[in-house]
Amino acid sequence: NHRGWNTAIDVASIGFLLLYMLSGSALSFSTSNLSYKKIQTKGLYALVRHPATAFKLGFFGLSFFRYHAAYTVAGILCYVVWSTVYICRLLAEEQFLRKFPDYRRYMKQTKYRLIPWVF
């Protein structure tokens, strides 16, 4: 029942969705790094290696905290499991891509996976 707080969360959620779409569109036809067609290193990909995943997880988190109906054991479990699946997918993708020298160079250039200067 906090209108200002809910509005701020809604605006931030829309921002996360827009940035998620921008991250995805930057990949053009190489929509999955597992296909290894091309490594995107510009724009948001110059800040973190997995911006689409970062914004998707941010959107999930904001959506979860926005609705009190989600504050149940099942809701929290779903959020934790879903986030864990995305993190595991990210780690598996990086394990595959480390086989390629240009991705290893990109990892040295762009040190953070999801959050600049944190992780």
C-alpha atoms as a PDB file:
ATOM      1  CA  ASN A   1       0.000   0.000   0.000  1.00  0.00           C
ATOM      2  CA  HIS A   2       2.961   2.317  -0.527  1.00  0.00           C
ATOM      3  CA  ARG A   3       2.087   4.047  -3.789  1.00  0.00           C
ATOM      4  CA  GLY A   4       5.417   5.871  -4.176  1.00  0.00           C
ATOM      5  CA  TRP A   5       7.480   2.765  -3.443  1.00  0.00           C
ATOM      6  CA  ASN A   6       5.400   0.639  -5.825  1.00  0.00           C
ATOM      7  CA  THR A   7       5.676   3.261  -8.567  1.00  0.00           C
ATOM      8  CA  ALA A   8       9.462   3.374  -8.151  1.00  0.00           C
ATOM      9  CA  ILE A   9       9.630  -0.424  -8.413  1.00  0.00           C
ATOM     10  CA  ASP A  10       7.394  -0.356 -11.495  1.00  0.00           C
ATOM     11  CA  VAL A  11       9.558   2.283 -13.198  1.00  0.00           C
ATOM     12  CA  ALA A  12      12.744   0.357 -12.342  1.00  0.00           C
ATOM     13  CA  SER A  13      11.141  -2.860 -13.646  1.00  0.00           C
ATOM     14  CA  ILE A  14      10.322  -1.199 -16.962  1.00  0.00           C
ATOM     15  CA  GLY A  15      13.903   0.072 -17.091  1.00  0.00           C
ATOM     16  CA  PHE A  16      15.232  -3.452 -16.532  1.00  0.00           C
ATOM     17  CA  LEU A  17      12.968  -4.795 -19.288  1.00  0.00           C
ATOM     18  CA  LEU A  18      14.098  -2.102 -21.733  1.00  0.00           C
ATOM     19  CA  LEU A  19      17.755  -2.762 -20.940  1.00  0.00           C
ATOM     20  CA  TYR A  20      17.137  -6.501 -21.294  1.00  0.00           C
ATOM     21  CA  MET A  21      15.690  -5.908 -24.768  1.00  0.00           C
ATOM     22  CA  LEU A  22      18.614  -3.651 -25.657  1.00  0.00           C
ATOM     23  CA  SER A  23      21.057  -6.348 -24.512  1.00  0.00           C
ATOM     24  CA  GLY A  24      19.295  -8.993 -26.575  1.00  0.00           C
ATOM     25  CA  SER A  25      19.071  -6.828 -29.673  1.00  0.00           C
ATOM     26  CA  ALA A  26      22.815  -6.120 -29.466  1.00  0.00           C
ATOM     27  CA  LEU A  27      23.420  -9.802 -30.187  1.00  0.00           C
ATOM     28  CA  SER A  28      21.645  -9.482 -33.548  1.00  0.00           C
ATOM     29  CA  PHE A  29      21.415 -12.939 -35.097  1.00  0.00           C
ATOM     30  CA  SER A  30      23.812 -14.462 -32.586  1.00  0.00           C
ATOM     31  CA  THR A  31      21.156 -14.794 -29.905  1.00  0.00           C
ATOM     32  CA  SER A  32      22.939 -17.506 -27.971  1.00  0.00           C
ATOM     33  CA  ASN A  33      26.598 -17.354 -27.049  1.00  0.00           C
ATOM     34  CA  LEU A  34      26.551 -21.153 -26.986  1.00  0.00           C
ATOM     35  CA  SER A  35      26.271 -21.055 -30.760  1.00  0.00           C
ATOM     36  CA  TYR A  36      29.552 -19.099 -30.823  1.00  0.00           C
ATOM     37  CA  LYS A  37      28.771 -17.123 -33.935  1.00  0.00           C
ATOM     38  CA  LYS A  38      30.117 -13.828 -32.667  1.00  0.00           C
ATOM     39  CA  ILE A  39      31.091 -12.360 -29.311  1.00  0.00           C
ATOM     40  CA  GLN A  40      29.493  -9.006 -28.559  1.00  0.00           C
ATOM     41  CA  THR A  41      31.938  -6.734 -26.763  1.00  0.00           C
ATOM     42  CA  LYS A  42      30.397  -3.274 -27.200  1.00  0.00           C
ATOM     43  CA  GLY A  43      27.671  -1.319 -25.460  1.00  0.00           C
ATOM     44  CA  LEU A  44      26.377  -3.008 -22.324  1.00  0.00           C
ATOM     45  CA  TYR A  45      28.642  -5.983 -23.088  1.00  0.00           C
ATOM     46  CA  ALA A  46      31.660  -3.744 -22.469  1.00  0.00           C
ATOM     47  CA  LEU A  47      30.507  -3.286 -18.850  1.00  0.00           C
ATOM     48  CA  VAL A  48      29.504  -6.860 -17.994  1.00  0.00           C
ATOM     49  CA  ARG A  49      29.689 -10.125 -19.901  1.00  0.00           C
ATOM     50  CA  HIS A  50      26.056 -11.100 -19.320  1.00  0.00           C
ATOM     51  CA  PRO A  51      23.932  -7.944 -19.253  1.00  0.00           C
ATOM     52  CA  ALA A  52      20.750  -9.656 -20.484  1.00  0.00           C
ATOM     53  CA  THR A  53      20.927 -12.148 -17.613  1.00  0.00           C
ATOM     54  CA  ALA A  54      21.690  -9.347 -15.147  1.00  0.00           C
ATOM     55  CA  PHE A  55      18.648  -7.338 -16.223  1.00  0.00           C
ATOM     56  CA  LYS A  56      16.425 -10.417 -16.315  1.00  0.00           C
ATOM     57  CA  LEU A  57      17.444 -11.351 -12.768  1.00  0.00           C
ATOM     58  CA  GLY A  58      16.935  -7.747 -11.690  1.00  0.00           C
ATOM     59  CA  PHE A  59      13.457  -7.740 -13.182  1.00  0.00           C
ATOM     60  CA  PHE A  60      12.615 -11.048 -11.472  1.00  0.00           C
ATOM     61  CA  GLY A  61      13.849  -9.684  -8.151  1.00  0.00           C
ATOM     62  CA  LEU A  62      11.887  -6.459  -8.409  1.00  0.00           C
ATOM     63  CA  SER A  63       8.775  -8.338  -9.508  1.00  0.00           C
ATOM     64  CA  PHE A  64       9.104 -10.686  -6.578  1.00  0.00           C
ATOM     65  CA  PHE A  65       9.481  -7.909  -4.014  1.00  0.00           C
ATOM     66  CA  ARG A  66       6.715  -5.844  -5.616  1.00  0.00           C
ATOM     67  CA  TYR A  67       3.935  -8.292  -4.735  1.00  0.00           C
ATOM     68  CA  HIS A  68       3.364  -9.387  -1.158  1.00  0.00           C
ATOM     69  CA  ALA A  69       1.554 -12.501  -2.394  1.00  0.00           C
ATOM     70  CA  ALA A  70       4.988 -13.831  -3.382  1.00  0.00           C
ATOM     71  CA  TYR A  71       6.212 -13.695   0.214  1.00  0.00           C
ATOM     72  CA  THR A  72       5.596 -17.351   0.883  1.00  0.00           C
ATOM     73  CA  VAL A  73       7.947 -20.276   1.299  1.00  0.00           C
ATOM     74  CA  ALA A  74       6.956 -21.511  -2.161  1.00  0.00           C
ATOM     75  CA  GLY A  75       7.442 -18.033  -3.672  1.00  0.00           C
ATOM     76  CA  ILE A  76      10.859 -17.577  -2.123  1.00  0.00           C
ATOM     77  CA  LEU A  77      11.871 -21.098  -3.151  1.00  0.00           C
ATOM     78  CA  CYS A  78      10.779 -20.459  -6.741  1.00  0.00           C
ATOM     79  CA  TYR A  79      12.712 -17.195  -6.845  1.00  0.00           C
ATOM     80  CA  VAL A  80      15.862 -18.802  -5.445  1.00  0.00           C
ATOM     81  CA  VAL A  81      15.625 -21.840  -7.762  1.00  0.00           C
ATOM     82  CA  TRP A  82      14.913 -19.731 -10.855  1.00  0.00           C
ATOM     83  CA  SER A  83      17.815 -17.378 -10.081  1.00  0.00           C
ATOM     84  CA  THR A  84      20.096 -20.358  -9.444  1.00  0.00           C
ATOM     85  CA  VAL A  85      19.145 -21.849 -12.828  1.00  0.00           C
ATOM     86  CA  TYR A  86      20.103 -18.604 -14.566  1.00  0.00           C
ATOM     87  CA  ILE A  87      23.419 -18.369 -12.690  1.00  0.00           C
ATOM     88  CA  CYS A  88      24.240 -22.012 -13.509  1.00  0.00           C
ATOM     89  CA  ARG A  89      23.386 -21.391 -17.161  1.00  0.00           C
ATOM     90  CA  LEU A  90      25.697 -18.377 -17.192  1.00  0.00           C
ATOM     91  CA  LEU A  91      28.541 -20.409 -15.659  1.00  0.00           C
ATOM     92  CA  ALA A  92      28.027 -23.276 -18.124  1.00  0.00           C
ATOM     93  CA  GLU A  93      28.032 -20.840 -21.029  1.00  0.00           C
ATOM     94  CA  GLU A  94      31.289 -19.302 -19.848  1.00  0.00           C
ATOM     95  CA  GLN A  95      32.869 -22.719 -19.352  1.00  0.00           C
ATOM     96  CA  PHE A  96      32.087 -23.525 -22.995  1.00  0.00           C
ATOM     97  CA  LEU A  97      33.227 -20.148 -24.322  1.00  0.00           C
ATOM     98  CA  ARG A  98      36.556 -20.262 -22.442  1.00  0.00           C
ATOM     99  CA  LYS A  99      37.688 -22.725 -25.096  1.00  0.00           C
ATOM    100  CA  PHE A 100      37.998 -19.833 -27.551  1.00  0.00           C
ATOM    101  CA  PRO A 101      40.946 -17.402 -27.372  1.00  0.00           C
ATOM    102  CA  ASP A 102      38.887 -14.341 -28.289  1.00  0.00           C
ATOM    103  CA  TYR A 103      36.463 -15.033 -25.438  1.00  0.00           C
ATOM    104  CA  ARG A 104      39.346 -15.404 -23.004  1.00  0.00           C
ATOM    105  CA  ARG A 105      40.614 -12.007 -24.187  1.00  0.00           C
ATOM    106  CA  TYR A 106      37.106 -10.596 -23.707  1.00  0.00           C
ATOM    107  CA  MET A 107      37.021 -12.008 -20.154  1.00  0.00           C
ATOM    108  CA  LYS A 108      40.259 -10.166 -19.357  1.00  0.00           C
ATOM    109  CA  GLN A 109      38.899  -6.964 -20.869  1.00  0.00           C
ATOM    110  CA  THR A 110      35.425  -7.223 -19.261  1.00  0.00           C
ATOM    111  CA  LYS A 111      36.081  -8.631 -15.811  1.00  0.00           C
ATOM    112  CA  TYR A 112      32.557  -8.678 -14.366  1.00  0.00           C
ATOM    113  CA  ARG A 113      29.813 -11.135 -15.204  1.00  0.00           C
ATOM    114  CA  LEU A 114      26.663  -9.408 -13.956  1.00  0.00           C
ATOM    115  CA  ILE A 115      27.315  -6.343 -11.804  1.00  0.00           C
ATOM    116  CA  PRO A 116      30.147  -3.912 -12.604  1.00  0.00           C
ATOM    117  CA  TRP A 117      32.846  -3.772  -9.892  1.00  0.00           C
ATOM    118  CA  VAL A 118      31.027  -6.503  -7.880  1.00  0.00           C
ATOM    119  CA  PHE A 119      30.529  -9.824  -9.724  1.00  0.00           C
END
